[in-house]
Amino acid sequence: MDVDRSKILDQLFTNAEKFMAELVEKQGIFTNLLILRKVAQDQQQAYIDLLQSYRDTKNRSPFNAAHQDIGGRIFTLAEANDYVRETSLDRMGSDIFGNPTKEKFYRPR
């Protein structure tokens, strides 16, 4: 099954720029985990579609593969909107399975 994940990600990130701006206005920064949570809650069907698109992929769990795509899109969108990583604030967090994951911070350029 050929799936255009780019279109699914476009749908998932429909309101991501707005969420980034709102978080920066409120807190001065945003994190990849906050944006992930907001876009997944906002566009639940697209999030499910992205996970589903990896269901039959060998050697990759759907969750990890989808979240790798999401993380890449967050980075690309942040750069395109003039946000930069604030690596000095990065810290370890955990995903919904309790696995360690890096919480990455972004601020306006």
PDB file of N, CA and C in Angstrom:
ATOM      1  N   MET A   1       0.845  -1.187   0.000  1.00  0.00           N
ATOM      2  CA  MET A   1       0.000   0.000   0.000  1.00  0.00           C
ATOM      3  C   MET A   1       0.884   1.243   0.000  1.00  0.00           C
ATOM      4  N   ASP A   2       0.751   2.079  -1.030  1.00  0.00           N
ATOM      5  CA  ASP A   2       1.493   3.329  -1.095  1.00  0.00           C
ATOM      6  C   ASP A   2       0.699   4.416  -0.387  1.00  0.00           C
ATOM      7  N   VAL A   3       1.359   5.060   0.561  1.00  0.00           N
ATOM      8  CA  VAL A   3       0.710   6.100   1.345  1.00  0.00           C
ATOM      9  C   VAL A   3       1.538   7.373   1.228  1.00  0.00           C
ATOM     10  N   ASP A   4       0.853   8.482   0.998  1.00  0.00           N
ATOM     11  CA  ASP A   4       1.543   9.767   0.950  1.00  0.00           C
ATOM     12  C   ASP A   4       1.544  10.352   2.358  1.00  0.00           C
ATOM     13  N   ARG A   5       2.599  10.013   3.103  1.00  0.00           N
ATOM     14  CA  ARG A   5       2.681  10.480   4.491  1.00  0.00           C
ATOM     15  C   ARG A   5       2.836  11.990   4.575  1.00  0.00           C
ATOM     16  N   SER A   6       3.382  12.591   3.548  1.00  0.00           N
ATOM     17  CA  SER A   6       3.537  14.047   3.532  1.00  0.00           C
ATOM     18  C   SER A   6       2.167  14.725   3.638  1.00  0.00           C
ATOM     19  N   LYS A   7       1.184  14.208   2.926  1.00  0.00           N
ATOM     20  CA  LYS A   7      -0.170  14.776   2.996  1.00  0.00           C
ATOM     21  C   LYS A   7      -0.786  14.555   4.377  1.00  0.00           C
ATOM     22  N   ILE A   8      -0.535  13.405   4.949  1.00  0.00           N
ATOM     23  CA  ILE A   8      -1.046  13.133   6.297  1.00  0.00           C
ATOM     24  C   ILE A   8      -0.401  14.102   7.289  1.00  0.00           C
ATOM     25  N   LEU A   9       0.896  14.300   7.167  1.00  0.00           N
ATOM     26  CA  LEU A   9       1.588  15.245   8.055  1.00  0.00           C
ATOM     27  C   LEU A   9       1.081  16.670   7.837  1.00  0.00           C
ATOM     28  N   ASP A  10       0.814  17.040   6.585  1.00  0.00           N
ATOM     29  CA  ASP A  10       0.244  18.368   6.317  1.00  0.00           C
ATOM     30  C   ASP A  10      -1.061  18.548   7.086  1.00  0.00           C
ATOM     31  N   GLN A  11      -1.914  17.538   7.060  1.00  0.00           N
ATOM     32  CA  GLN A  11      -3.186  17.611   7.789  1.00  0.00           C
ATOM     33  C   GLN A  11      -2.942  17.660   9.295  1.00  0.00           C
ATOM     34  N   LEU A  12      -2.051  16.814   9.775  1.00  0.00           N
ATOM     35  CA  LEU A  12      -1.749  16.775  11.207  1.00  0.00           C
ATOM     36  C   LEU A  12      -1.259  18.133  11.700  1.00  0.00           C
ATOM     37  N   PHE A  13      -0.488  18.828  10.881  1.00  0.00           N
ATOM     38  CA  PHE A  13       0.113  20.098  11.280  1.00  0.00           C
ATOM     39  C   PHE A  13      -0.685  21.312  10.829  1.00  0.00           C
ATOM     40  N   THR A  14      -1.954  21.130  10.532  1.00  0.00           N
ATOM     41  CA  THR A  14      -2.823  22.212  10.068  1.00  0.00           C
ATOM     42  C   THR A  14      -2.713  23.463  10.934  1.00  0.00           C
ATOM     43  N   ASN A  15      -2.738  23.320  12.245  1.00  0.00           N
ATOM     44  CA  ASN A  15      -2.731  24.460  13.163  1.00  0.00           C
ATOM     45  C   ASN A  15      -1.449  24.589  13.976  1.00  0.00           C
ATOM     46  N   ALA A  16      -0.411  23.905  13.564  1.00  0.00           N
ATOM     47  CA  ALA A  16       0.832  23.883  14.347  1.00  0.00           C
ATOM     48  C   ALA A  16       1.469  25.265  14.480  1.00  0.00           C
ATOM     49  N   GLU A  17       1.473  26.041  13.419  1.00  0.00           N
ATOM     50  CA  GLU A  17       2.072  27.374  13.495  1.00  0.00           C
ATOM     51  C   GLU A  17       1.347  28.230  14.524  1.00  0.00           C
ATOM     52  N   LYS A  18       0.035  28.131  14.556  1.00  0.00           N
ATOM     53  CA  LYS A  18      -0.766  28.865  15.545  1.00  0.00           C
ATOM     54  C   LYS A  18      -0.408  28.401  16.955  1.00  0.00           C
ATOM     55  N   PHE A  19      -0.269  27.089  17.144  1.00  0.00           N
ATOM     56  CA  PHE A  19       0.080  26.565  18.468  1.00  0.00           C
ATOM     57  C   PHE A  19       1.462  27.042  18.911  1.00  0.00           C
ATOM     58  N   MET A  20       2.408  27.042  17.982  1.00  0.00           N
ATOM     59  CA  MET A  20       3.754  27.525  18.303  1.00  0.00           C
ATOM     60  C   MET A  20       3.696  28.978  18.767  1.00  0.00           C
ATOM     61  N   ALA A  21       3.000  29.801  18.009  1.00  0.00           N
ATOM     62  CA  ALA A  21       2.896  31.231  18.339  1.00  0.00           C
ATOM     63  C   ALA A  21       2.208  31.440  19.686  1.00  0.00           C
ATOM     64  N   GLU A  22       1.140  30.692  19.937  1.00  0.00           N
ATOM     65  CA  GLU A  22       0.431  30.823  21.221  1.00  0.00           C
ATOM     66  C   GLU A  22       1.321  30.442  22.393  1.00  0.00           C
ATOM     67  N   LEU A  23       2.065  29.358  22.248  1.00  0.00           N
ATOM     68  CA  LEU A  23       2.953  28.930  23.337  1.00  0.00           C
ATOM     69  C   LEU A  23       4.076  29.933  23.564  1.00  0.00           C
ATOM     70  N   VAL A  24       4.628  30.475  22.486  1.00  0.00           N
ATOM     71  CA  VAL A  24       5.691  31.472  22.629  1.00  0.00           C
ATOM     72  C   VAL A  24       5.145  32.737  23.285  1.00  0.00           C
ATOM     73  N   GLU A  25       3.955  33.140  22.883  1.00  0.00           N
ATOM     74  CA  GLU A  25       3.347  34.326  23.492  1.00  0.00           C
ATOM     75  C   GLU A  25       3.108  34.121  24.989  1.00  0.00           C
ATOM     76  N   LYS A  26       2.696  32.933  25.348  1.00  0.00           N
ATOM     77  CA  LYS A  26       2.379  32.618  26.743  1.00  0.00           C
ATOM     78  C   LYS A  26       3.617  32.318  27.588  1.00  0.00           C
ATOM     79  N   GLN A  27       4.588  31.551  27.019  1.00  0.00           N
ATOM     80  CA  GLN A  27       5.714  31.042  27.807  1.00  0.00           C
ATOM     81  C   GLN A  27       7.084  31.502  27.314  1.00  0.00           C
ATOM     82  N   GLY A  28       7.128  32.104  26.125  1.00  0.00           N
ATOM     83  CA  GLY A  28       8.396  32.518  25.562  1.00  0.00           C
ATOM     84  C   GLY A  28       9.124  31.421  24.799  1.00  0.00           C
ATOM     85  N   ILE A  29       8.677  30.176  24.942  1.00  0.00           N
ATOM     86  CA  ILE A  29       9.275  29.011  24.291  1.00  0.00           C
ATOM     87  C   ILE A  29       8.184  27.978  24.024  1.00  0.00           C
ATOM     88  N   PHE A  30       8.549  26.958  23.253  1.00  0.00           N
ATOM     89  CA  PHE A  30       7.694  25.773  23.142  1.00  0.00           C
ATOM     90  C   PHE A  30       8.610  24.572  23.018  1.00  0.00           C
ATOM     91  N   THR A  31       8.054  23.395  23.252  1.00  0.00           N
ATOM     92  CA  THR A  31       8.835  22.167  23.124  1.00  0.00           C
ATOM     93  C   THR A  31       8.207  21.261  22.068  1.00  0.00           C
ATOM     94  N   ASN A  32       9.031  20.352  21.568  1.00  0.00           N
ATOM     95  CA  ASN A  32       8.532  19.374  20.611  1.00  0.00           C
ATOM     96  C   ASN A  32       7.398  18.542  21.214  1.00  0.00           C
ATOM     97  N   LEU A  33       7.497  18.217  22.492  1.00  0.00           N
ATOM     98  CA  LEU A  33       6.468  17.385  23.117  1.00  0.00           C
ATOM     99  C   LEU A  33       5.152  18.128  23.271  1.00  0.00           C
ATOM    100  N   LEU A  34       5.216  19.444  23.552  1.00  0.00           N
ATOM    101  CA  LEU A  34       3.982  20.234  23.635  1.00  0.00           C
ATOM    102  C   LEU A  34       3.314  20.349  22.274  1.00  0.00           C
ATOM    103  N   ILE A  35       4.101  20.581  21.233  1.00  0.00           N
ATOM    104  CA  ILE A  35       3.528  20.691  19.890  1.00  0.00           C
ATOM    105  C   ILE A  35       2.960  19.341  19.448  1.00  0.00           C
ATOM    106  N   LEU A  36       3.674  18.277  19.729  1.00  0.00           N
ATOM    107  CA  LEU A  36       3.170  16.939  19.408  1.00  0.00           C
ATOM    108  C   LEU A  36       1.805  16.711  20.049  1.00  0.00           C
ATOM    109  N   ARG A  37       1.703  17.012  21.316  1.00  0.00           N
ATOM    110  CA  ARG A  37       0.437  16.805  22.032  1.00  0.00           C
ATOM    111  C   ARG A  37      -0.680  17.647  21.416  1.00  0.00           C
ATOM    112  N   LYS A  38      -0.376  18.900  21.118  1.00  0.00           N
ATOM    113  CA  LYS A  38      -1.407  19.791  20.574  1.00  0.00           C
ATOM    114  C   LYS A  38      -1.868  19.353  19.189  1.00  0.00           C
ATOM    115  N   VAL A  39      -0.928  19.004  18.300  1.00  0.00           N
ATOM    116  CA  VAL A  39      -1.345  18.616  16.948  1.00  0.00           C
ATOM    117  C   VAL A  39      -2.090  17.283  16.960  1.00  0.00           C
ATOM    118  N   ALA A  40      -1.669  16.362  17.803  1.00  0.00           N
ATOM    119  CA  ALA A  40      -2.352  15.062  17.875  1.00  0.00           C
ATOM    120  C   ALA A  40      -3.762  15.212  18.432  1.00  0.00           C
ATOM    121  N   GLN A  41      -3.939  16.090  19.400  1.00  0.00           N
ATOM    122  CA  GLN A  41      -5.278  16.331  19.942  1.00  0.00           C
ATOM    123  C   GLN A  41      -6.159  17.072  18.940  1.00  0.00           C
ATOM    124  N   ASP A  42      -5.549  18.008  18.214  1.00  0.00           N
ATOM    125  CA  ASP A  42      -6.285  18.839  17.266  1.00  0.00           C
ATOM    126  C   ASP A  42      -6.716  18.054  16.026  1.00  0.00           C
ATOM    127  N   GLN A  43      -5.853  17.204  15.535  1.00  0.00           N
ATOM    128  CA  GLN A  43      -6.106  16.465  14.289  1.00  0.00           C
ATOM    129  C   GLN A  43      -5.978  14.966  14.548  1.00  0.00           C
ATOM    130  N   GLN A  44      -6.875  14.447  15.377  1.00  0.00           N
ATOM    131  CA  GLN A  44      -6.781  13.058  15.815  1.00  0.00           C
ATOM    132  C   GLN A  44      -6.843  12.066  14.665  1.00  0.00           C
ATOM    133  N   GLN A  45      -7.685  12.329  13.689  1.00  0.00           N
ATOM    134  CA  GLN A  45      -7.800  11.392  12.569  1.00  0.00           C
ATOM    135  C   GLN A  45      -6.496  11.312  11.786  1.00  0.00           C
ATOM    136  N   ALA A  46      -5.852  12.444  11.564  1.00  0.00           N
ATOM    137  CA  ALA A  46      -4.570  12.448  10.844  1.00  0.00           C
ATOM    138  C   ALA A  46      -3.507  11.706  11.655  1.00  0.00           C
ATOM    139  N   TYR A  47      -3.532  11.872  12.971  1.00  0.00           N
ATOM    140  CA  TYR A  47      -2.568  11.161  13.825  1.00  0.00           C
ATOM    141  C   TYR A  47      -2.775   9.646  13.708  1.00  0.00           C
ATOM    142  N   ILE A  48      -4.014   9.225  13.748  1.00  0.00           N
ATOM    143  CA  ILE A  48      -4.331   7.801  13.600  1.00  0.00           C
ATOM    144  C   ILE A  48      -3.920   7.309  12.212  1.00  0.00           C
ATOM    145  N   ASP A  49      -4.190   8.112  11.195  1.00  0.00           N
ATOM    146  CA  ASP A  49      -3.817   7.737   9.829  1.00  0.00           C
ATOM    147  C   ASP A  49      -2.305   7.573   9.695  1.00  0.00           C
ATOM    148  N   LEU A  50      -1.540   8.452  10.331  1.00  0.00           N
ATOM    149  CA  LEU A  50      -0.092   8.340  10.262  1.00  0.00           C
ATOM    150  C   LEU A  50       0.383   7.057  10.936  1.00  0.00           C
ATOM    151  N   LEU A  51      -0.127   6.775  12.117  1.00  0.00           N
ATOM    152  CA  LEU A  51       0.228   5.523  12.792  1.00  0.00           C
ATOM    153  C   LEU A  51      -0.159   4.320  11.934  1.00  0.00           C
ATOM    154  N   GLN A  52      -1.353   4.369  11.391  1.00  0.00           N
ATOM    155  CA  GLN A  52      -1.854   3.269  10.555  1.00  0.00           C
ATOM    156  C   GLN A  52      -0.968   3.053   9.327  1.00  0.00           C
ATOM    157  N   SER A  53      -0.423   4.129   8.795  1.00  0.00           N
ATOM    158  CA  SER A  53       0.392   4.017   7.585  1.00  0.00           C
ATOM    159  C   SER A  53       1.661   3.199   7.817  1.00  0.00           C
ATOM    160  N   TYR A  54       2.057   3.056   9.065  1.00  0.00           N
ATOM    161  CA  TYR A  54       3.247   2.258   9.399  1.00  0.00           C
ATOM    162  C   TYR A  54       2.899   0.870   9.936  1.00  0.00           C
ATOM    163  N   ARG A  55       1.651   0.522   9.956  1.00  0.00           N
ATOM    164  CA  ARG A  55       1.217  -0.725  10.586  1.00  0.00           C
ATOM    165  C   ARG A  55       1.918  -1.960  10.032  1.00  0.00           C
ATOM    166  N   ASP A  56       2.063  -2.037   8.744  1.00  0.00           N
ATOM    167  CA  ASP A  56       2.646  -3.228   8.126  1.00  0.00           C
ATOM    168  C   ASP A  56       4.100  -3.043   7.710  1.00  0.00           C
ATOM    169  N   THR A  57       4.731  -1.997   8.201  1.00  0.00           N
ATOM    170  CA  THR A  57       6.130  -1.748   7.883  1.00  0.00           C
ATOM    171  C   THR A  57       7.005  -2.669   8.723  1.00  0.00           C
ATOM    172  N   LYS A  58       7.917  -3.350   8.086  1.00  0.00           N
ATOM    173  CA  LYS A  58       8.800  -4.274   8.813  1.00  0.00           C
ATOM    174  C   LYS A  58       9.919  -3.512   9.523  1.00  0.00           C
ATOM    175  N   ASN A  59      10.348  -4.032  10.660  1.00  0.00           N
ATOM    176  CA  ASN A  59      11.495  -3.528  11.415  1.00  0.00           C
ATOM    177  C   ASN A  59      11.320  -2.140  12.020  1.00  0.00           C
ATOM    178  N   ARG A  60      10.124  -1.602  12.063  1.00  0.00           N
ATOM    179  CA  ARG A  60       9.883  -0.314  12.706  1.00  0.00           C
ATOM    180  C   ARG A  60       8.542  -0.388  13.414  1.00  0.00           C
ATOM    181  N   SER A  61       8.517   0.068  14.636  1.00  0.00           N
ATOM    182  CA  SER A  61       7.222   0.119  15.298  1.00  0.00           C
ATOM    183  C   SER A  61       6.458   1.323  14.764  1.00  0.00           C
ATOM    184  N   PRO A  62       5.166   1.201  14.596  1.00  0.00           N
ATOM    185  CA  PRO A  62       4.375   2.315  14.064  1.00  0.00           C
ATOM    186  C   PRO A  62       4.538   3.592  14.891  1.00  0.00           C
ATOM    187  N   PHE A  63       4.541   3.436  16.191  1.00  0.00           N
ATOM    188  CA  PHE A  63       4.653   4.611  17.066  1.00  0.00           C
ATOM    189  C   PHE A  63       5.983   5.325  16.845  1.00  0.00           C
ATOM    190  N   ASN A  64       7.081   4.607  16.919  1.00  0.00           N
ATOM    191  CA  ASN A  64       8.398   5.235  16.762  1.00  0.00           C
ATOM    192  C   ASN A  64       8.586   5.827  15.366  1.00  0.00           C
ATOM    193  N   ALA A  65       8.145   5.116  14.344  1.00  0.00           N
ATOM    194  CA  ALA A  65       8.293   5.609  12.979  1.00  0.00           C
ATOM    195  C   ALA A  65       7.479   6.883  12.769  1.00  0.00           C
ATOM    196  N   ALA A  66       6.241   6.878  13.235  1.00  0.00           N
ATOM    197  CA  ALA A  66       5.384   8.056  13.081  1.00  0.00           C
ATOM    198  C   ALA A  66       5.954   9.242  13.851  1.00  0.00           C
ATOM    199  N   HIS A  67       6.449   8.989  15.041  1.00  0.00           N
ATOM    200  CA  HIS A  67       6.980  10.081  15.860  1.00  0.00           C
ATOM    201  C   HIS A  67       8.298  10.618  15.318  1.00  0.00           C
ATOM    202  N   GLN A  68       9.037   9.801  14.606  1.00  0.00           N
ATOM    203  CA  GLN A  68      10.235  10.301  13.938  1.00  0.00           C
ATOM    204  C   GLN A  68       9.825  11.286  12.841  1.00  0.00           C
ATOM    205  N   ASP A  69       8.785  10.946  12.091  1.00  0.00           N
ATOM    206  CA  ASP A  69       8.267  11.855  11.062  1.00  0.00           C
ATOM    207  C   ASP A  69       7.755  13.153  11.685  1.00  0.00           C
ATOM    208  N   ILE A  70       7.029  13.023  12.780  1.00  0.00           N
ATOM    209  CA  ILE A  70       6.469  14.198  13.453  1.00  0.00           C
ATOM    210  C   ILE A  70       7.586  15.102  13.972  1.00  0.00           C
ATOM    211  N   GLY A  71       8.598  14.505  14.586  1.00  0.00           N
ATOM    212  CA  GLY A  71       9.722  15.287  15.094  1.00  0.00           C
ATOM    213  C   GLY A  71      10.429  16.044  13.981  1.00  0.00           C
ATOM    214  N   GLY A  72      10.605  15.394  12.847  1.00  0.00           N
ATOM    215  CA  GLY A  72      11.227  16.062  11.706  1.00  0.00           C
ATOM    216  C   GLY A  72      10.387  17.217  11.201  1.00  0.00           C
ATOM    217  N   ARG A  73       9.078  17.026  11.189  1.00  0.00           N
ATOM    218  CA  ARG A  73       8.188  18.098  10.727  1.00  0.00           C
ATOM    219  C   ARG A  73       8.194  19.266  11.713  1.00  0.00           C
ATOM    220  N   ILE A  74       8.228  18.987  13.002  1.00  0.00           N
ATOM    221  CA  ILE A  74       8.297  20.066  13.993  1.00  0.00           C
ATOM    222  C   ILE A  74       9.558  20.896  13.767  1.00  0.00           C
ATOM    223  N   PHE A  75      10.699  20.233  13.600  1.00  0.00           N
ATOM    224  CA  PHE A  75      11.963  20.933  13.380  1.00  0.00           C
ATOM    225  C   PHE A  75      11.893  21.799  12.123  1.00  0.00           C
ATOM    226  N   THR A  76      11.413  21.238  11.024  1.00  0.00           N
ATOM    227  CA  THR A  76      11.326  21.953   9.757  1.00  0.00           C
ATOM    228  C   THR A  76      10.392  23.156   9.861  1.00  0.00           C
ATOM    229  N   LEU A  77       9.237  22.958  10.480  1.00  0.00           N
ATOM    230  CA  LEU A  77       8.254  24.035  10.627  1.00  0.00           C
ATOM    231  C   LEU A  77       8.763  25.124  11.562  1.00  0.00           C
ATOM    232  N   ALA A  78       9.454  24.726  12.625  1.00  0.00           N
ATOM    233  CA  ALA A  78      10.015  25.715  13.553  1.00  0.00           C
ATOM    234  C   ALA A  78      11.035  26.590  12.822  1.00  0.00           C
ATOM    235  N   GLU A  79      11.933  25.972  12.076  1.00  0.00           N
ATOM    236  CA  GLU A  79      12.928  26.745  11.321  1.00  0.00           C
ATOM    237  C   GLU A  79      12.271  27.672  10.308  1.00  0.00           C
ATOM    238  N   ALA A  80      11.263  27.186   9.607  1.00  0.00           N
ATOM    239  CA  ALA A  80      10.572  27.982   8.599  1.00  0.00           C
ATOM    240  C   ALA A  80       9.852  29.186   9.205  1.00  0.00           C
ATOM    241  N   ASN A  81       9.528  29.098  10.489  1.00  0.00           N
ATOM    242  CA  ASN A  81       8.826  30.184  11.172  1.00  0.00           C
ATOM    243  C   ASN A  81       9.740  30.983  12.088  1.00  0.00           C
ATOM    244  N   ASP A  82      11.030  30.851  11.853  1.00  0.00           N
ATOM    245  CA  ASP A  82      12.046  31.655  12.534  1.00  0.00           C
ATOM    246  C   ASP A  82      12.190  31.344  14.027  1.00  0.00           C
ATOM    247  N   TYR A  83      12.023  30.072  14.374  1.00  0.00           N
ATOM    248  CA  TYR A  83      12.312  29.606  15.725  1.00  0.00           C
ATOM    249  C   TYR A  83      13.618  28.811  15.684  1.00  0.00           C
ATOM    250  N   VAL A  84      14.361  28.854  16.763  1.00  0.00           N
ATOM    251  CA  VAL A  84      15.621  28.114  16.845  1.00  0.00           C
ATOM    252  C   VAL A  84      15.599  27.222  18.080  1.00  0.00           C
ATOM    253  N   ARG A  85      16.359  26.142  17.993  1.00  0.00           N
ATOM    254  CA  ARG A  85      16.503  25.242  19.139  1.00  0.00           C
ATOM    255  C   ARG A  85      17.274  25.942  20.234  1.00  0.00           C
ATOM    256  N   GLU A  86      16.824  25.786  21.440  1.00  0.00           N
ATOM    257  CA  GLU A  86      17.533  26.286  22.623  1.00  0.00           C
ATOM    258  C   GLU A  86      18.067  25.052  23.335  1.00  0.00           C
ATOM    259  N   THR A  87      19.170  24.515  22.808  1.00  0.00           N
ATOM    260  CA  THR A  87      19.683  23.224  23.266  1.00  0.00           C
ATOM    261  C   THR A  87      20.102  23.231  24.732  1.00  0.00           C
ATOM    262  N   SER A  88      20.404  24.397  25.261  1.00  0.00           N
ATOM    263  CA  SER A  88      20.814  24.453  26.669  1.00  0.00           C
ATOM    264  C   SER A  88      19.664  24.073  27.612  1.00  0.00           C
ATOM    265  N   LEU A  89      18.432  24.136  27.116  1.00  0.00           N
ATOM    266  CA  LEU A  89      17.269  23.788  27.933  1.00  0.00           C
ATOM    267  C   LEU A  89      16.795  22.348  27.726  1.00  0.00           C
ATOM    268  N   ASP A  90      17.294  21.684  26.677  1.00  0.00           N
ATOM    269  CA  ASP A  90      16.842  20.324  26.385  1.00  0.00           C
ATOM    270  C   ASP A  90      16.991  19.430  27.620  1.00  0.00           C
ATOM    271  N   ARG A  91      16.041  18.520  27.765  1.00  0.00           N
ATOM    272  CA  ARG A  91      16.083  17.578  28.885  1.00  0.00           C
ATOM    273  C   ARG A  91      15.401  16.283  28.455  1.00  0.00           C
ATOM    274  N   MET A  92      15.614  15.268  29.238  1.00  0.00           N
ATOM    275  CA  MET A  92      14.985  13.983  28.943  1.00  0.00           C
ATOM    276  C   MET A  92      13.560  13.974  29.477  1.00  0.00           C
ATOM    277  N   GLY A  93      12.665  13.489  28.653  1.00  0.00           N
ATOM    278  CA  GLY A  93      11.278  13.296  29.035  1.00  0.00           C
ATOM    279  C   GLY A  93      10.925  11.846  28.778  1.00  0.00           C
ATOM    280  N   SER A  94       9.634  11.561  28.650  1.00  0.00           N
ATOM    281  CA  SER A  94       9.235  10.193  28.324  1.00  0.00           C
ATOM    282  C   SER A  94       8.038  10.218  27.386  1.00  0.00           C
ATOM    283  N   ASP A  95       7.982   9.198  26.525  1.00  0.00           N
ATOM    284  CA  ASP A  95       6.852   9.083  25.617  1.00  0.00           C
ATOM    285  C   ASP A  95       5.683   8.409  26.333  1.00  0.00           C
ATOM    286  N   ILE A  96       4.610   8.154  25.593  1.00  0.00           N
ATOM    287  CA  ILE A  96       3.420   7.594  26.242  1.00  0.00           C
ATOM    288  C   ILE A  96       3.625   6.166  26.741  1.00  0.00           C
ATOM    289  N   PHE A  97       4.703   5.527  26.315  1.00  0.00           N
ATOM    290  CA  PHE A  97       5.021   4.189  26.789  1.00  0.00           C
ATOM    291  C   PHE A  97       6.022   4.215  27.941  1.00  0.00           C
ATOM    292  N   GLY A  98       6.441   5.420  28.348  1.00  0.00           N
ATOM    293  CA  GLY A  98       7.416   5.538  29.421  1.00  0.00           C
ATOM    294  C   GLY A  98       8.855   5.427  28.952  1.00  0.00           C
ATOM    295  N   ASN A  99       9.058   5.350  27.636  1.00  0.00           N
ATOM    296  CA  ASN A  99      10.416   5.284  27.097  1.00  0.00           C
ATOM    297  C   ASN A  99      11.049   6.672  27.122  1.00  0.00           C
ATOM    298  N   PRO A 100      12.346   6.746  27.373  1.00  0.00           N
ATOM    299  CA  PRO A 100      13.005   8.054  27.386  1.00  0.00           C
ATOM    300  C   PRO A 100      12.995   8.704  26.005  1.00  0.00           C
ATOM    301  N   THR A 101      12.775   9.988  25.994  1.00  0.00           N
ATOM    302  CA  THR A 101      12.815  10.771  24.764  1.00  0.00           C
ATOM    303  C   THR A 101      13.282  12.178  25.110  1.00  0.00           C
ATOM    304  N   LYS A 102      13.945  12.820  24.181  1.00  0.00           N
ATOM    305  CA  LYS A 102      14.469  14.154  24.454  1.00  0.00           C
ATOM    306  C   LYS A 102      13.385  15.206  24.246  1.00  0.00           C
ATOM    307  N   GLU A 103      13.203  16.048  25.244  1.00  0.00           N
ATOM    308  CA  GLU A 103      12.319  17.198  25.118  1.00  0.00           C
ATOM    309  C   GLU A 103      13.167  18.347  24.584  1.00  0.00           C
ATOM    310  N   LYS A 104      12.813  18.822  23.393  1.00  0.00           N
ATOM    311  CA  LYS A 104      13.592  19.843  22.705  1.00  0.00           C
ATOM    312  C   LYS A 104      12.866  21.177  22.786  1.00  0.00           C
ATOM    313  N   PHE A 105      13.603  22.204  23.152  1.00  0.00           N
ATOM    314  CA  PHE A 105      13.035  23.539  23.336  1.00  0.00           C
ATOM    315  C   PHE A 105      13.331  24.430  22.131  1.00  0.00           C
ATOM    316  N   TYR A 106      12.355  25.274  21.790  1.00  0.00           N
ATOM    317  CA  TYR A 106      12.481  26.227  20.688  1.00  0.00           C
ATOM    318  C   TYR A 106      12.095  27.606  21.189  1.00  0.00           C
ATOM    319  N   ARG A 107      12.753  28.631  20.641  1.00  0.00           N
ATOM    320  CA  ARG A 107      12.456  30.022  20.977  1.00  0.00           C
ATOM    321  C   ARG A 107      12.503  30.843  19.706  1.00  0.00           C
ATOM    322  N   PRO A 108      11.934  32.051  19.732  1.00  0.00           N
ATOM    323  CA  PRO A 108      12.042  32.921  18.547  1.00  0.00           C
ATOM    324  C   PRO A 108      13.498  33.268  18.286  1.00  0.00           C
ATOM    325  N   ARG A 109      13.841  33.432  17.033  1.00  0.00           N
ATOM    326  CA  ARG A 109      15.209  33.802  16.645  1.00  0.00           C
ATOM    327  C   ARG A 109      15.528  35.190  17.145  1.00  0.00           C
TER     328      ARG A 109
END
